[in-house]
Protein backbone atom coordinates (compact mmCIF):
# COMPACT_ATOMS: atom_id res chain seq x y z
CA UNK A 1 10.99 71.49 -33.45
CA UNK A 2 11.51 74.68 -31.86
CA UNK A 3 15.22 76.51 -33.95
CA UNK A 4 17.11 74.68 -30.36
CA UNK A 5 16.28 71.70 -31.26
CA UNK A 6 13.65 71.16 -28.58
CA UNK A 7 10.07 69.39 -29.28
CA UNK A 8 7.24 71.74 -29.10
CA UNK A 9 4.27 69.48 -28.84
CA UNK A 10 0.81 71.19 -29.90
CA UNK A 11 -2.47 71.26 -27.67
CA UNK A 12 -5.72 72.16 -28.33
CA UNK A 13 -8.86 72.46 -26.14
CA UNK A 14 -12.07 70.54 -26.74
CA UNK A 15 -13.34 72.79 -29.60
CA UNK A 16 -10.44 72.68 -31.07
CA UNK A 17 -9.98 68.91 -31.09
CA UNK A 18 -14.13 68.29 -32.06
CA UNK A 19 -13.20 70.48 -35.67
CA UNK A 20 -10.31 68.30 -36.36
CA UNK A 21 -12.07 64.95 -35.89
CA UNK A 22 -15.39 66.65 -36.76
CA UNK A 23 -17.03 65.72 -33.60
CA UNK A 24 -19.77 68.04 -31.58
CA UNK A 25 -17.44 69.62 -28.61
CA UNK A 26 -19.88 67.61 -26.02
CA UNK A 27 -18.96 63.99 -28.11
CA UNK A 28 -14.92 64.64 -27.18
CA UNK A 29 -16.52 65.17 -23.26
CA UNK A 30 -17.91 61.70 -23.88
CA UNK A 31 -15.35 60.01 -25.07
CA UNK A 32 -13.20 61.56 -22.50
CA UNK A 33 -15.80 60.05 -19.59
CA UNK A 34 -15.79 56.88 -20.95
CA UNK A 35 -11.78 56.66 -21.35
CA UNK A 36 -12.21 55.82 -25.03
CA UNK A 37 -9.45 58.77 -25.47
CA UNK A 38 -7.06 59.65 -22.96
CA UNK A 39 -7.54 61.89 -19.90
CA UNK A 40 -6.97 65.50 -20.67
CA UNK A 41 -4.98 67.33 -18.06
CA UNK A 42 -6.58 70.59 -16.98
CA UNK A 43 -5.02 74.38 -16.83
CA UNK A 44 -6.28 76.49 -14.11
CA UNK A 45 -8.83 78.19 -15.53
CA UNK A 46 -10.27 74.49 -15.84
CA UNK A 47 -10.33 73.89 -19.62
CA UNK A 48 -9.06 70.62 -21.13
CA UNK A 49 -5.81 70.59 -22.51
CA UNK A 50 -5.20 68.04 -25.67
CA UNK A 51 -2.23 66.56 -27.72
CA UNK A 52 -1.85 65.22 -30.86
CA UNK A 53 -1.53 61.82 -28.70
CA UNK A 54 -5.20 62.68 -27.70
CA UNK A 55 -5.78 63.70 -31.82
CA UNK A 56 -4.41 60.30 -32.92
CA UNK A 57 -6.67 58.04 -30.41
CA UNK A 58 -9.69 60.15 -30.98
CA UNK A 59 -9.72 59.07 -35.20
CA UNK A 60 -8.78 55.50 -33.58
CA UNK A 61 -11.88 55.02 -31.75
CA UNK A 62 -14.49 57.28 -34.37
CA UNK A 63 -12.88 54.74 -37.32
CA UNK A 64 -13.73 51.53 -34.03
CA UNK A 65 -17.29 52.67 -34.08
CA UNK A 66 -18.44 53.28 -37.55
CA UNK A 67 -19.82 49.96 -38.39
CA UNK A 68 -22.23 48.45 -35.70
CA UNK A 69 -21.41 45.39 -35.84
CA UNK A 70 -23.36 43.76 -32.36
CA UNK A 71 -23.23 39.97 -32.60
CA UNK A 72 -21.23 37.96 -29.88
CA UNK A 73 -19.95 40.85 -28.50
CA UNK A 74 -18.01 42.30 -31.62
CA UNK A 75 -19.13 45.61 -30.26
CA UNK A 76 -17.35 45.13 -27.00
CA UNK A 77 -14.12 43.86 -28.16
CA UNK A 78 -14.06 47.09 -30.40
CA UNK A 79 -14.95 49.57 -27.32
CA UNK A 80 -12.15 47.35 -25.46
CA UNK A 81 -9.28 48.24 -28.28
CA UNK A 82 -10.21 51.55 -27.98
CA UNK A 83 -10.16 52.24 -24.29
CA UNK A 84 -6.52 49.98 -24.51
CA UNK A 85 -5.73 52.61 -26.98
CA UNK A 86 -6.70 55.46 -24.48
CA UNK A 87 -4.56 54.00 -21.49
CA UNK A 88 -1.89 53.55 -23.55
CA UNK A 89 -1.35 49.47 -23.74
CA UNK A 90 -1.29 49.21 -27.80
CA UNK A 91 -0.06 45.55 -27.22
CA UNK A 92 -2.97 45.07 -25.54
CA UNK A 93 -5.15 46.82 -28.25
CA UNK A 94 -3.08 45.92 -31.26
CA UNK A 95 -3.53 42.04 -29.90
CA UNK A 96 -7.30 42.31 -29.35
CA UNK A 97 -7.51 44.25 -32.81
CA UNK A 98 -6.15 40.66 -34.31
CA UNK A 99 -8.41 38.86 -32.36
CA UNK A 100 -11.63 41.01 -33.32
CA UNK A 101 -10.79 40.47 -37.21
CA UNK A 102 -10.26 36.52 -36.57
CA UNK A 103 -13.91 36.57 -35.20
CA UNK A 104 -15.32 39.08 -37.83
CA UNK A 105 -13.94 36.71 -40.58
CA UNK A 106 -15.44 33.46 -38.34
CA UNK A 107 -18.81 35.95 -38.81
CA UNK A 108 -18.56 36.38 -42.02
CA UNK A 109 -18.03 32.51 -42.99
CA UNK A 110 -21.50 31.83 -40.68
CA UNK A 111 -23.36 34.81 -42.82
CA UNK A 112 -21.98 33.43 -46.04
CA UNK A 113 -23.25 30.06 -45.02
CA UNK A 114 -26.00 30.36 -43.68
CA UNK A 115 -27.18 32.27 -47.07
CA UNK A 116 -26.41 28.79 -49.22
CA UNK A 117 -28.42 26.93 -46.14
CA UNK A 118 -31.73 29.15 -47.10
CA UNK A 119 -31.03 29.03 -51.27
CA UNK A 120 -31.52 25.58 -50.03
CA UNK A 121 -34.35 25.93 -48.16
CA UNK A 122 -36.42 27.99 -50.36
CA UNK A 123 -35.07 25.64 -53.48
CA UNK A 124 -36.68 22.63 -51.67
CA UNK A 125 -33.82 21.00 -51.37
CA UNK A 126 -33.67 18.18 -48.86
CA UNK A 127 -31.00 17.74 -46.29
CA UNK A 128 -28.38 15.87 -46.82
CA UNK A 129 -26.66 16.46 -42.95
CA UNK A 130 -26.76 13.31 -41.33
CA UNK A 131 -25.79 15.15 -37.96
CA UNK A 132 -26.99 13.62 -34.62
CA UNK A 133 -25.96 15.89 -31.70
CA UNK A 134 -26.56 16.85 -27.99
CA UNK A 135 -27.35 19.90 -26.94
CA UNK A 136 -23.87 20.90 -25.61
CA UNK A 137 -22.31 19.76 -28.82
CA UNK A 138 -24.64 21.58 -31.16
CA UNK A 139 -23.57 25.13 -28.87
CA UNK A 140 -20.51 24.20 -29.77
CA UNK A 141 -20.90 23.72 -33.69
CA UNK A 142 -22.70 27.03 -33.96
CA UNK A 143 -20.51 29.19 -31.29
CA UNK A 144 -23.56 30.01 -29.68
CA UNK A 145 -24.31 29.56 -26.15
CA UNK A 146 -26.45 26.23 -24.21
CA UNK A 147 -28.57 28.96 -22.49
CA UNK A 148 -29.38 31.26 -26.21
CA UNK A 149 -29.93 27.61 -27.75
CA UNK A 150 -32.09 27.19 -24.52
CA UNK A 151 -34.02 30.49 -25.58
CA UNK A 152 -34.69 29.63 -29.16
CA UNK A 153 -36.44 26.50 -28.00
CA UNK A 154 -38.40 28.14 -25.45
CA UNK A 155 -39.72 30.84 -28.03
CA UNK A 156 -40.98 28.19 -30.08
CA UNK A 157 -37.86 29.01 -32.79
CA UNK A 158 -36.83 24.83 -32.73
CA UNK A 159 -38.67 21.90 -31.71
CA UNK A 160 -36.19 19.18 -30.91
CA UNK A 161 -36.80 15.40 -31.19
CA UNK A 162 -36.10 13.27 -28.49
CA UNK A 163 -34.14 9.77 -28.17
CA UNK A 164 -35.92 6.92 -25.61
CA UNK A 165 -33.73 7.99 -23.13
CA UNK A 166 -35.50 12.21 -23.33
CA UNK A 167 -32.44 13.62 -24.36
CA UNK A 168 -32.73 15.96 -27.45
CA UNK A 169 -31.60 14.72 -30.03
CA UNK A 170 -30.72 17.63 -32.93
CA UNK A 171 -30.16 16.83 -36.36
CA UNK A 172 -28.94 17.87 -39.80
CA UNK A 173 -32.03 20.14 -40.61
CA UNK A 174 -32.53 21.32 -36.76
CA UNK A 175 -28.33 22.68 -37.15
CA UNK A 176 -29.41 23.80 -40.56
CA UNK A 177 -32.48 26.01 -39.63
CA UNK A 178 -30.81 27.08 -36.26
CA UNK A 179 -28.01 28.28 -38.67
CA UNK A 180 -30.20 30.77 -40.19
CA UNK A 181 -31.92 31.84 -37.23
CA UNK A 182 -28.21 32.49 -35.61
CA UNK A 183 -27.71 34.91 -38.65
CA UNK A 184 -31.14 36.75 -38.33
CA UNK A 185 -30.45 37.51 -34.58
CA UNK A 186 -27.37 38.56 -36.06
CA UNK A 187 -28.89 41.08 -38.32
CA UNK A 188 -31.22 42.38 -35.31
CA UNK A 189 -34.11 40.60 -36.33
CA UNK A 190 -36.41 39.83 -33.53
CA UNK A 191 -37.03 36.23 -32.23
CA UNK A 192 -41.05 37.06 -33.08
CA UNK A 193 -40.11 37.61 -36.60
CA UNK A 194 -37.79 35.03 -36.99
CA UNK A 195 -40.53 32.79 -35.63
CA UNK A 196 -42.49 34.12 -38.29
CA UNK A 197 -41.08 33.51 -41.50
CA UNK A 198 -40.32 30.20 -40.17
CA UNK A 199 -43.75 29.42 -39.28
CA UNK A 200 -45.07 30.82 -42.54
CA UNK A 201 -41.89 28.92 -44.96
CA UNK A 202 -42.67 25.68 -43.15
CA UNK A 203 -46.44 25.46 -44.99
CA UNK A 204 -45.71 28.15 -47.92
CA UNK A 205 -41.87 27.42 -49.13
CA UNK A 206 -43.11 30.46 -52.08
CA UNK A 207 -44.53 33.04 -49.31
CA UNK A 208 -43.70 36.64 -49.15
CA UNK A 209 -40.36 36.62 -47.08
CA UNK A 210 -39.98 40.79 -46.90
CA UNK A 211 -44.07 40.48 -45.70
CA UNK A 212 -43.29 37.59 -43.61
CA UNK A 213 -40.12 38.88 -41.69
CA UNK A 214 -42.07 42.43 -41.83
CA UNK A 215 -39.71 44.52 -41.90
CA UNK A 216 -39.91 48.58 -42.63
CA UNK A 217 -38.41 48.08 -45.85
CA UNK A 218 -40.97 45.95 -47.98
CA UNK A 219 -38.61 45.56 -50.67
CA UNK A 220 -36.33 43.05 -48.38
CA UNK A 221 -35.95 39.67 -48.68
CA UNK A 222 -34.25 37.35 -46.62
CA UNK A 223 -30.94 36.68 -48.92
CA UNK A 224 -30.43 40.38 -48.81
CA UNK A 225 -30.08 40.87 -44.80
CA UNK A 226 -27.05 38.17 -44.95
CA UNK A 227 -25.94 40.69 -47.83
CA UNK A 228 -26.23 43.48 -45.44
CA UNK A 229 -24.90 41.49 -42.94
CA UNK A 230 -21.63 40.73 -45.07
CA UNK A 231 -21.63 44.12 -45.93
CA UNK A 232 -21.25 45.20 -42.80
CA UNK A 233 -18.81 43.05 -41.21
CA UNK A 234 -16.53 43.39 -44.31
CA UNK A 235 -16.76 47.10 -43.26
CA UNK A 236 -15.98 46.25 -40.55
CA UNK A 237 -12.83 43.93 -41.59
CA UNK A 238 -11.55 46.99 -43.68
CA UNK A 239 -11.49 49.68 -40.25
CA UNK A 240 -10.18 47.17 -38.12
CA UNK A 241 -7.42 46.80 -40.57
CA UNK A 242 -7.39 50.56 -40.81
CA UNK A 243 -7.06 50.27 -36.72
CA UNK A 244 -4.24 48.05 -36.52
CA UNK A 245 -2.00 50.42 -38.84
CA UNK A 246 -3.08 53.65 -36.52
CA UNK A 247 -2.14 51.67 -33.61
CA UNK A 248 1.45 50.41 -34.91
CA UNK A 249 2.14 54.23 -36.12
CA UNK A 250 1.18 55.44 -32.51
CA UNK A 251 3.14 53.42 -30.99
CA UNK A 252 5.87 54.14 -32.39
CA UNK A 253 5.33 57.58 -31.70
CA UNK A 254 4.23 57.37 -28.14
């Protein structure tokens, strides 16, 4: 604030913003082009003029993209949060952040559940669930689309029994298997790698899981896959909470 009590807005050029945020100047230009930060005004000579608000929204977007969590549209949700903040719609950004946090918690629950189911399978325990579900009911229970479920079946990840009327029936064992498939897909394993793992385990429960998955890391097993996913989700949750605090602060200022 000046001596006369008038607020003075600090302005910055692209290179200065990039240095403050810790990115290359081209990244600043890319974020602006993609609508992740507000459009900068231009001087007569064409140079961009950024403000404190640009920097704060830029920092928000950087936090949003620190963790690559891709499953079930989480990546798109966090992009939408950043774009809403860049557009100045902070209420919408806060609402979407809360929705993002809820979904992250659901994904954490799913991953933890998959760990327990995998341990049961590897220890040779029998399945206790007495479920008998139709395809739409199974998809709803798993939180996936019917197209996804159909795709997994077409790729041989699951062979579903049929009733006398030819309708598919999903048992508790099928659902447990599908939960493992879902979590491995969330961890970015290919359908081919998952099919190979399930095929090997069906004949040899004591098989080398890391070899069956054929992962780049030879010491990684199926449980550590879920642990890694849980770690990523935990960091995504932490970052989303930070984003929420930042959004409240930005909304109050601007």
